[in-house]
Structures are given as C-alpha cells and as structure tokens.
Amino acid sequence: MTHDLLKNVIQDLKASIEKIVVSDLKENTFYALIYLHVSGEIVAVDARPSDAIALALRARAPIFVEERVIDNAKTVDFAPEKGDAERLQKWLESLDPEELGKYKM
C-alpha cells in the first residue's frame, strides 16, 4: 500500500513521524499536516487527513485535531441536499424491473 511505502521511505531517509494534526476545515473539506523529524528539524507536510491518519497508525504516531476544527465540524451538515435525494428517488422509481433482470452477478 502507498502508506506502507511512504512509511518506509521516511524511515530510509532517517526521518521519523512526530505527529499528525488535522489542522483545518474549509467548505466541508478537512486538511491535515504530517510533522516529520528530519535531520534535527521539524518539517510539516500537507496531506489528506485519511492518508495522514493511515500513516500515523502504521508508524504509531500520535494523531491530534485542532480544537477549532472540532468546533467547526459540529456545525457542518454532511447530509445530501434535499434536491439530490428527490432526484435519486425519482430515478429509482422510474427504473424498469425488466431492465434490471438483464444483469447477472
């Protein structure tokens, strides 16, 4: 997996993963930083939270979330818009059962 590869590359470069921080939430999109310890310095690398968390789990690195991200996430509505649900419902109702029988698993 890509996360295993990245972990191995970091280790082979004599670096270590210090921590992962889910750092921001903008327009329903989360952002994260991977903090690496490289040659005595800390380097922050932007990453998707899913990748950062997967990497942290493999490296047994701590995972943090900024408090403002948690506060903002409480107000985000991840439910699909009503119009989308209605369009899907109409499409499902218009399906012909005869057509569905043509496909085999």
N, C-alpha and C. Protein backbone atom coordinates (compact mmCIF):
# COMPACT_ATOMS: atom_id res chain seq x y z
N MET A 1 0.84 -1.18 0.00
CA MET A 1 0.00 0.00 0.00
C MET A 1 0.88 1.25 0.00
N THR A 2 0.32 2.30 -0.50
CA THR A 2 1.06 3.56 -0.60
C THR A 2 1.50 4.05 0.78
N HIS A 3 0.66 3.86 1.78
CA HIS A 3 1.01 4.33 3.13
C HIS A 3 2.21 3.57 3.68
N ASP A 4 2.28 2.29 3.39
CA ASP A 4 3.44 1.50 3.82
C ASP A 4 4.70 1.96 3.10
N LEU A 5 4.56 2.24 1.82
CA LEU A 5 5.69 2.74 1.03
C LEU A 5 6.20 4.05 1.61
N LEU A 6 5.28 4.98 1.88
CA LEU A 6 5.67 6.28 2.43
C LEU A 6 6.36 6.12 3.78
N LYS A 7 5.83 5.25 4.61
CA LYS A 7 6.45 4.99 5.91
C LYS A 7 7.88 4.48 5.73
N ASN A 8 8.06 3.55 4.80
CA ASN A 8 9.40 3.01 4.54
C ASN A 8 10.34 4.07 3.98
N VAL A 9 9.85 4.92 3.09
CA VAL A 9 10.69 5.99 2.54
C VAL A 9 11.13 6.94 3.65
N ILE A 10 10.20 7.32 4.51
CA ILE A 10 10.54 8.21 5.62
C ILE A 10 11.60 7.58 6.50
N GLN A 11 11.44 6.32 6.83
CA GLN A 11 12.42 5.62 7.66
C GLN A 11 13.77 5.50 6.96
N ASP A 12 13.76 5.18 5.66
CA ASP A 12 15.02 5.05 4.91
C ASP A 12 15.76 6.37 4.80
N LEU A 13 15.04 7.48 4.85
CA LEU A 13 15.66 8.80 4.82
C LEU A 13 16.10 9.26 6.22
N LYS A 14 16.03 8.34 7.16
CA LYS A 14 16.43 8.60 8.55
C LYS A 14 15.59 9.70 9.18
N ALA A 15 14.32 9.74 8.82
CA ALA A 15 13.38 10.70 9.40
C ALA A 15 12.37 9.90 10.23
N SER A 16 11.56 10.62 10.99
CA SER A 16 10.52 9.96 11.77
C SER A 16 9.27 10.83 11.77
N ILE A 17 8.15 10.18 11.96
CA ILE A 17 6.88 10.90 12.02
C ILE A 17 6.63 11.28 13.47
N GLU A 18 6.62 12.58 13.71
CA GLU A 18 6.42 13.07 15.08
C GLU A 18 4.95 13.04 15.48
N LYS A 19 4.08 13.54 14.58
CA LYS A 19 2.65 13.58 14.88
C LYS A 19 1.89 13.95 13.61
N ILE A 20 0.59 13.74 13.69
CA ILE A 20 -0.33 14.13 12.64
C ILE A 20 -1.31 15.11 13.27
N VAL A 21 -1.62 16.18 12.55
CA VAL A 21 -2.59 17.16 13.05
C VAL A 21 -3.63 17.43 11.97
N VAL A 22 -4.89 17.15 12.28
CA VAL A 22 -5.98 17.58 11.41
C VAL A 22 -6.13 19.06 11.74
N SER A 23 -5.73 19.90 10.79
CA SER A 23 -5.47 21.30 11.09
C SER A 23 -6.53 22.29 10.65
N ASP A 24 -7.39 21.91 9.71
CA ASP A 24 -8.33 22.90 9.19
C ASP A 24 -9.55 22.22 8.60
N LEU A 25 -10.62 22.99 8.49
CA LEU A 25 -11.85 22.56 7.85
C LEU A 25 -12.40 23.75 7.09
N LYS A 26 -12.39 23.63 5.75
CA LYS A 26 -12.88 24.71 4.89
C LYS A 26 -13.84 24.12 3.87
N GLU A 27 -15.03 24.68 3.78
CA GLU A 27 -16.03 24.25 2.80
C GLU A 27 -16.22 22.73 2.81
N ASN A 28 -16.42 22.18 3.99
CA ASN A 28 -16.66 20.74 4.20
C ASN A 28 -15.47 19.86 3.82
N THR A 29 -14.28 20.44 3.70
CA THR A 29 -13.08 19.66 3.39
C THR A 29 -12.09 19.79 4.56
N PHE A 30 -11.63 18.64 5.05
CA PHE A 30 -10.66 18.62 6.14
C PHE A 30 -9.24 18.66 5.55
N TYR A 31 -8.32 19.24 6.31
CA TYR A 31 -6.91 19.32 5.92
C TYR A 31 -6.06 18.81 7.08
N ALA A 32 -4.91 18.25 6.74
CA ALA A 32 -4.03 17.71 7.78
C ALA A 32 -2.57 18.04 7.47
N LEU A 33 -1.77 17.94 8.50
CA LEU A 33 -0.32 18.11 8.38
C LEU A 33 0.36 16.89 8.99
N ILE A 34 1.39 16.43 8.32
CA ILE A 34 2.25 15.38 8.85
C ILE A 34 3.52 16.08 9.31
N TYR A 35 3.85 15.94 10.59
CA TYR A 35 5.06 16.55 11.13
C TYR A 35 6.16 15.50 11.16
N LEU A 36 7.22 15.78 10.42
CA LEU A 36 8.36 14.87 10.33
C LEU A 36 9.56 15.46 11.06
N HIS A 37 10.32 14.60 11.70
CA HIS A 37 11.58 15.00 12.33
C HIS A 37 12.67 14.58 11.35
N VAL A 38 13.31 15.59 10.71
CA VAL A 38 14.31 15.34 9.67
C VAL A 38 15.59 16.09 10.01
N SER A 39 16.65 15.38 10.19
CA SER A 39 17.97 15.98 10.47
C SER A 39 17.91 17.05 11.56
N GLY A 40 17.23 16.74 12.64
CA GLY A 40 17.18 17.65 13.78
C GLY A 40 16.15 18.76 13.64
N GLU A 41 15.41 18.80 12.55
CA GLU A 41 14.40 19.83 12.35
C GLU A 41 13.03 19.20 12.17
N ILE A 42 12.01 19.98 12.48
CA ILE A 42 10.63 19.54 12.26
C ILE A 42 10.14 20.15 10.94
N VAL A 43 9.61 19.29 10.08
CA VAL A 43 9.09 19.71 8.78
C VAL A 43 7.62 19.31 8.73
N ALA A 44 6.75 20.26 8.34
CA ALA A 44 5.32 19.98 8.20
C ALA A 44 4.99 19.77 6.72
N VAL A 45 4.26 18.68 6.44
CA VAL A 45 3.89 18.34 5.07
C VAL A 45 2.37 18.27 4.99
N ASP A 46 1.79 18.99 4.03
CA ASP A 46 0.34 18.93 3.81
C ASP A 46 -0.05 17.54 3.35
N ALA A 47 -1.22 17.08 3.82
CA ALA A 47 -1.71 15.76 3.40
C ALA A 47 -3.22 15.70 3.57
N ARG A 48 -3.82 14.76 2.86
CA ARG A 48 -5.23 14.48 3.12
C ARG A 48 -5.31 13.81 4.48
N PRO A 49 -6.32 14.14 5.27
CA PRO A 49 -6.43 13.53 6.59
C PRO A 49 -6.45 12.00 6.55
N SER A 50 -7.13 11.43 5.56
CA SER A 50 -7.20 9.96 5.50
C SER A 50 -5.81 9.36 5.32
N ASP A 51 -4.98 9.98 4.48
CA ASP A 51 -3.62 9.48 4.27
C ASP A 51 -2.76 9.70 5.51
N ALA A 52 -2.90 10.88 6.11
CA ALA A 52 -2.11 11.20 7.30
C ALA A 52 -2.44 10.24 8.45
N ILE A 53 -3.72 9.97 8.64
CA ILE A 53 -4.13 9.07 9.72
C ILE A 53 -3.66 7.64 9.44
N ALA A 54 -3.79 7.19 8.20
CA ALA A 54 -3.31 5.85 7.86
C ALA A 54 -1.81 5.72 8.12
N LEU A 55 -1.06 6.75 7.78
CA LEU A 55 0.38 6.76 8.00
C LEU A 55 0.69 6.76 9.50
N ALA A 56 -0.03 7.58 10.25
CA ALA A 56 0.19 7.66 11.70
C ALA A 56 -0.08 6.31 12.37
N LEU A 57 -1.12 5.62 11.94
CA LEU A 57 -1.43 4.33 12.53
C LEU A 57 -0.32 3.32 12.26
N ARG A 58 0.23 3.35 11.05
CA ARG A 58 1.32 2.42 10.72
C ARG A 58 2.60 2.75 11.49
N ALA A 59 2.82 4.04 11.73
CA ALA A 59 4.04 4.47 12.41
C ALA A 59 3.86 4.61 13.92
N ARG A 60 2.64 4.35 14.38
CA ARG A 60 2.32 4.51 15.81
C ARG A 60 2.62 5.93 16.30
N ALA A 61 2.28 6.89 15.45
CA ALA A 61 2.48 8.31 15.78
C ALA A 61 1.18 8.89 16.33
N PRO A 62 1.28 9.86 17.22
CA PRO A 62 0.05 10.46 17.78
C PRO A 62 -0.73 11.26 16.73
N ILE A 63 -2.04 11.27 16.89
CA ILE A 63 -2.94 11.99 15.99
C ILE A 63 -3.67 13.05 16.81
N PHE A 64 -3.63 14.29 16.33
CA PHE A 64 -4.29 15.40 17.01
C PHE A 64 -5.26 16.09 16.05
N VAL A 65 -6.24 16.78 16.64
CA VAL A 65 -7.18 17.58 15.87
C VAL A 65 -7.26 18.95 16.54
N GLU A 66 -7.08 20.00 15.74
CA GLU A 66 -7.19 21.36 16.28
C GLU A 66 -8.60 21.56 16.85
N GLU A 67 -8.69 22.25 17.96
CA GLU A 67 -9.98 22.46 18.62
C GLU A 67 -10.97 23.20 17.70
N ARG A 68 -10.48 24.16 16.93
CA ARG A 68 -11.38 24.91 16.06
C ARG A 68 -11.96 24.01 14.96
N VAL A 69 -11.22 22.96 14.56
CA VAL A 69 -11.74 22.02 13.57
C VAL A 69 -12.91 21.25 14.18
N ILE A 70 -12.76 20.81 15.40
CA ILE A 70 -13.83 20.09 16.09
C ILE A 70 -15.05 20.99 16.23
N ASP A 71 -14.84 22.24 16.65
CA ASP A 71 -15.95 23.17 16.80
C ASP A 71 -16.66 23.42 15.48
N ASN A 72 -15.88 23.62 14.40
CA ASN A 72 -16.48 23.87 13.09
C ASN A 72 -17.18 22.63 12.54
N ALA A 73 -16.65 21.45 12.84
CA ALA A 73 -17.24 20.22 12.34
C ALA A 73 -18.62 19.98 12.95
N LYS A 74 -18.86 20.50 14.13
CA LYS A 74 -20.16 20.33 14.78
C LYS A 74 -21.26 21.03 14.00
N THR A 75 -20.91 22.07 13.24
CA THR A 75 -21.92 22.85 12.53
C THR A 75 -22.06 22.47 11.06
N VAL A 76 -21.25 21.55 10.58
CA VAL A 76 -21.27 21.16 9.17
C VAL A 76 -22.37 20.13 8.95
N ASP A 77 -23.17 20.33 7.90
CA ASP A 77 -24.22 19.39 7.54
C ASP A 77 -23.72 18.52 6.40
N PHE A 78 -23.41 17.26 6.69
CA PHE A 78 -22.88 16.35 5.68
C PHE A 78 -23.98 15.60 4.94
N ALA A 79 -25.25 15.84 5.31
CA ALA A 79 -26.36 15.17 4.64
C ALA A 79 -26.51 15.70 3.22
N PRO A 80 -26.91 14.83 2.29
CA PRO A 80 -27.11 15.31 0.92
C PRO A 80 -28.25 16.32 0.88
N GLU A 81 -28.17 17.22 -0.09
CA GLU A 81 -29.21 18.22 -0.23
C GLU A 81 -30.52 17.55 -0.59
N LYS A 82 -31.62 18.17 -0.17
CA LYS A 82 -32.93 17.58 -0.40
C LYS A 82 -33.18 17.36 -1.89
N GLY A 83 -32.76 18.29 -2.73
CA GLY A 83 -32.94 18.15 -4.17
C GLY A 83 -32.26 16.91 -4.71
N ASP A 84 -31.08 16.60 -4.20
CA ASP A 84 -30.35 15.39 -4.63
C ASP A 84 -31.13 14.14 -4.26
N ALA A 85 -31.65 14.10 -3.05
CA ALA A 85 -32.40 12.94 -2.59
C ALA A 85 -33.68 12.76 -3.41
N GLU A 86 -34.34 13.87 -3.73
CA GLU A 86 -35.57 13.79 -4.53
C GLU A 86 -35.28 13.29 -5.94
N ARG A 87 -34.17 13.79 -6.54
CA ARG A 87 -33.80 13.34 -7.89
C ARG A 87 -33.49 11.85 -7.89
N LEU A 88 -32.78 11.38 -6.89
CA LEU A 88 -32.46 9.96 -6.79
C LEU A 88 -33.73 9.14 -6.63
N GLN A 89 -34.64 9.60 -5.79
CA GLN A 89 -35.90 8.90 -5.57
C GLN A 89 -36.68 8.77 -6.88
N LYS A 90 -36.77 9.87 -7.65
CA LYS A 90 -37.49 9.83 -8.92
C LYS A 90 -36.83 8.88 -9.91
N TRP A 91 -35.50 8.89 -9.94
CA TRP A 91 -34.78 8.00 -10.85
C TRP A 91 -35.03 6.53 -10.49
N LEU A 92 -34.96 6.23 -9.18
CA LEU A 92 -35.20 4.86 -8.74
C LEU A 92 -36.62 4.40 -9.09
N GLU A 93 -37.58 5.31 -8.91
CA GLU A 93 -38.97 4.96 -9.22
C GLU A 93 -39.19 4.75 -10.72
N SER A 94 -38.37 5.38 -11.55
CA SER A 94 -38.54 5.25 -13.00
C SER A 94 -37.85 4.02 -13.59
N LEU A 95 -37.08 3.31 -12.79
CA LEU A 95 -36.39 2.12 -13.30
C LEU A 95 -37.39 1.04 -13.69
N ASP A 96 -37.12 0.39 -14.80
CA ASP A 96 -37.95 -0.70 -15.28
C ASP A 96 -37.41 -2.02 -14.73
N PRO A 97 -38.21 -2.74 -13.94
CA PRO A 97 -37.73 -4.01 -13.36
C PRO A 97 -37.26 -5.01 -14.42
N GLU A 98 -37.83 -4.94 -15.62
CA GLU A 98 -37.41 -5.84 -16.70
C GLU A 98 -35.96 -5.58 -17.09
N GLU A 99 -35.57 -4.32 -17.09
CA GLU A 99 -34.19 -3.96 -17.43
C GLU A 99 -33.22 -4.48 -16.38
N LEU A 100 -33.61 -4.44 -15.13
CA LEU A 100 -32.72 -4.88 -14.04
C LEU A 100 -32.45 -6.37 -14.12
N GLY A 101 -33.39 -7.15 -14.64
CA GLY A 101 -33.22 -8.59 -14.73
C GLY A 101 -32.18 -9.01 -15.76
N LYS A 102 -31.75 -8.12 -16.61
CA LYS A 102 -30.78 -8.46 -17.66
C LYS A 102 -29.38 -8.68 -17.11
N TYR A 103 -29.08 -8.10 -15.95
CA TYR A 103 -27.72 -8.12 -15.44
C TYR A 103 -27.55 -9.21 -14.40
N LYS A 104 -26.52 -9.97 -14.55
CA LYS A 104 -26.22 -11.07 -13.63
C LYS A 104 -24.96 -10.73 -12.83
N MET A 105 -24.91 -11.21 -11.63
CA MET A 105 -23.75 -11.01 -10.77
C MET A 105 -22.80 -12.15 -10.96
